[in-house]
Amino acid sequence: MVNRVRELRTAAGLRQEDLAEQVAVSRQTIISIENGRYNPSLELAWRLSRALGTSIEDLFRFEEVE
């Protein structure tokens, strides 16, 4: 899954710590999501999309690997 978390977070002027606090997770979780090592639950994806002012579909995109 590809995501735009880092792109939208930096555009909003937020530090990883700021976003983590807003969505009630650790900074390490935000780092793992941004680096593609962790796919969030639907609930966390929803909280991230709200915090970043976008839709879940715009924030996360599934790409099949052949």
C-alpha atoms as a PDB file:
ATOM      1  CA  MET A   1       0.000   0.000   0.000  1.00  0.00           C
ATOM      2  CA  VAL A   2       1.279   3.461  -0.891  1.00  0.00           C
ATOM      3  CA  ASN A   3       0.473   6.439   1.286  1.00  0.00           C
ATOM      4  CA  ARG A   4       0.796  10.225   1.250  1.00  0.00           C
ATOM      5  CA  VAL A   5       1.087  10.702   5.003  1.00  0.00           C
ATOM      6  CA  ARG A   6       4.554  12.306   4.934  1.00  0.00           C
ATOM      7  CA  GLU A   7       3.653  14.528   1.975  1.00  0.00           C
ATOM      8  CA  LEU A   8       0.438  15.836   3.527  1.00  0.00           C
ATOM      9  CA  ARG A   9       1.918  16.101   7.029  1.00  0.00           C
ATOM     10  CA  THR A  10       4.796  18.291   5.844  1.00  0.00           C
ATOM     11  CA  ALA A  11       2.450  20.374   3.662  1.00  0.00           C
ATOM     12  CA  ALA A  12       0.361  21.011   6.792  1.00  0.00           C
ATOM     13  CA  GLY A  13       3.472  22.080   8.692  1.00  0.00           C
ATOM     14  CA  LEU A  14       3.151  19.264  11.223  1.00  0.00           C
ATOM     15  CA  ARG A  15       5.987  17.373  12.879  1.00  0.00           C
ATOM     16  CA  GLN A  16       5.665  13.611  13.281  1.00  0.00           C
ATOM     17  CA  GLU A  17       5.160  14.225  16.999  1.00  0.00           C
ATOM     18  CA  ASP A  18       2.300  16.651  16.319  1.00  0.00           C
ATOM     19  CA  LEU A  19       0.449  14.229  14.063  1.00  0.00           C
ATOM     20  CA  ALA A  20       1.035  11.339  16.453  1.00  0.00           C
ATOM     21  CA  GLU A  21      -0.478  13.340  19.299  1.00  0.00           C
ATOM     22  CA  GLN A  22      -3.503  14.346  17.207  1.00  0.00           C
ATOM     23  CA  VAL A  23      -4.316  10.737  16.279  1.00  0.00           C
ATOM     24  CA  ALA A  24      -3.309   9.206  19.641  1.00  0.00           C
ATOM     25  CA  VAL A  25      -0.406   7.004  18.533  1.00  0.00           C
ATOM     26  CA  SER A  26       3.352   7.074  19.057  1.00  0.00           C
ATOM     27  CA  ARG A  27       5.788   8.944  16.831  1.00  0.00           C
ATOM     28  CA  GLN A  28       7.259   5.532  15.993  1.00  0.00           C
ATOM     29  CA  THR A  29       3.888   4.466  14.536  1.00  0.00           C
ATOM     30  CA  ILE A  30       3.827   7.546  12.290  1.00  0.00           C
ATOM     31  CA  ILE A  31       7.400   6.800  11.156  1.00  0.00           C
ATOM     32  CA  SER A  32       6.457   3.193  10.350  1.00  0.00           C
ATOM     33  CA  ILE A  33       3.378   4.268   8.376  1.00  0.00           C
ATOM     34  CA  GLU A  34       5.322   6.902   6.419  1.00  0.00           C
ATOM     35  CA  ASN A  35       8.012   4.348   5.549  1.00  0.00           C
ATOM     36  CA  GLY A  36       5.452   1.770   4.424  1.00  0.00           C
ATOM     37  CA  ARG A  37       6.375  -0.736   7.134  1.00  0.00           C
ATOM     38  CA  TYR A  38       2.975  -0.591   8.841  1.00  0.00           C
ATOM     39  CA  ASN A  39      -0.524  -0.442   7.399  1.00  0.00           C
ATOM     40  CA  PRO A  40      -2.894   1.228   9.869  1.00  0.00           C
ATOM     41  CA  SER A  41      -6.248  -0.097  10.971  1.00  0.00           C
ATOM     42  CA  LEU A  42      -9.307   1.428   9.361  1.00  0.00           C
ATOM     43  CA  GLU A  43      -9.923   3.468  12.513  1.00  0.00           C
ATOM     44  CA  LEU A  44      -6.394   4.901  12.497  1.00  0.00           C
ATOM     45  CA  ALA A  45      -6.576   5.564   8.740  1.00  0.00           C
ATOM     46  CA  TRP A  46      -9.797   7.516   9.379  1.00  0.00           C
ATOM     47  CA  ARG A  47      -8.180   9.555  12.190  1.00  0.00           C
ATOM     48  CA  LEU A  48      -5.150  10.293   9.995  1.00  0.00           C
ATOM     49  CA  SER A  49      -7.314  11.383   7.076  1.00  0.00           C
ATOM     50  CA  ARG A  50      -9.317  13.729   9.323  1.00  0.00           C
ATOM     51  CA  ALA A  51      -6.169  15.193  10.899  1.00  0.00           C
ATOM     52  CA  LEU A  52      -4.666  15.799   7.442  1.00  0.00           C
ATOM     53  CA  GLY A  53      -7.879  17.150   5.907  1.00  0.00           C
ATOM     54  CA  THR A  54      -8.308  14.540   3.202  1.00  0.00           C
ATOM     55  CA  SER A  55     -10.146  11.300   2.461  1.00  0.00           C
ATOM     56  CA  ILE A  56      -8.836   7.848   3.284  1.00  0.00           C
ATOM     57  CA  GLU A  57      -8.848   7.077  -0.434  1.00  0.00           C
ATOM     58  CA  ASP A  58      -6.608  10.072  -1.151  1.00  0.00           C
ATOM     59  CA  LEU A  59      -4.282   9.265   1.738  1.00  0.00           C
ATOM     60  CA  PHE A  60      -3.824   5.529   1.066  1.00  0.00           C
ATOM     61  CA  ARG A  61      -3.697   3.697  -2.252  1.00  0.00           C
ATOM     62  CA  PHE A  62      -3.407  -0.027  -2.775  1.00  0.00           C
ATOM     63  CA  GLU A  63      -1.065  -1.118  -5.546  1.00  0.00           C
ATOM     64  CA  GLU A  64      -0.938  -4.760  -6.522  1.00  0.00           C
ATOM     65  CA  VAL A  65       2.473  -6.326  -6.826  1.00  0.00           C
ATOM     66  CA  GLU A  66       2.768  -8.734  -9.730  1.00  0.00           C
END
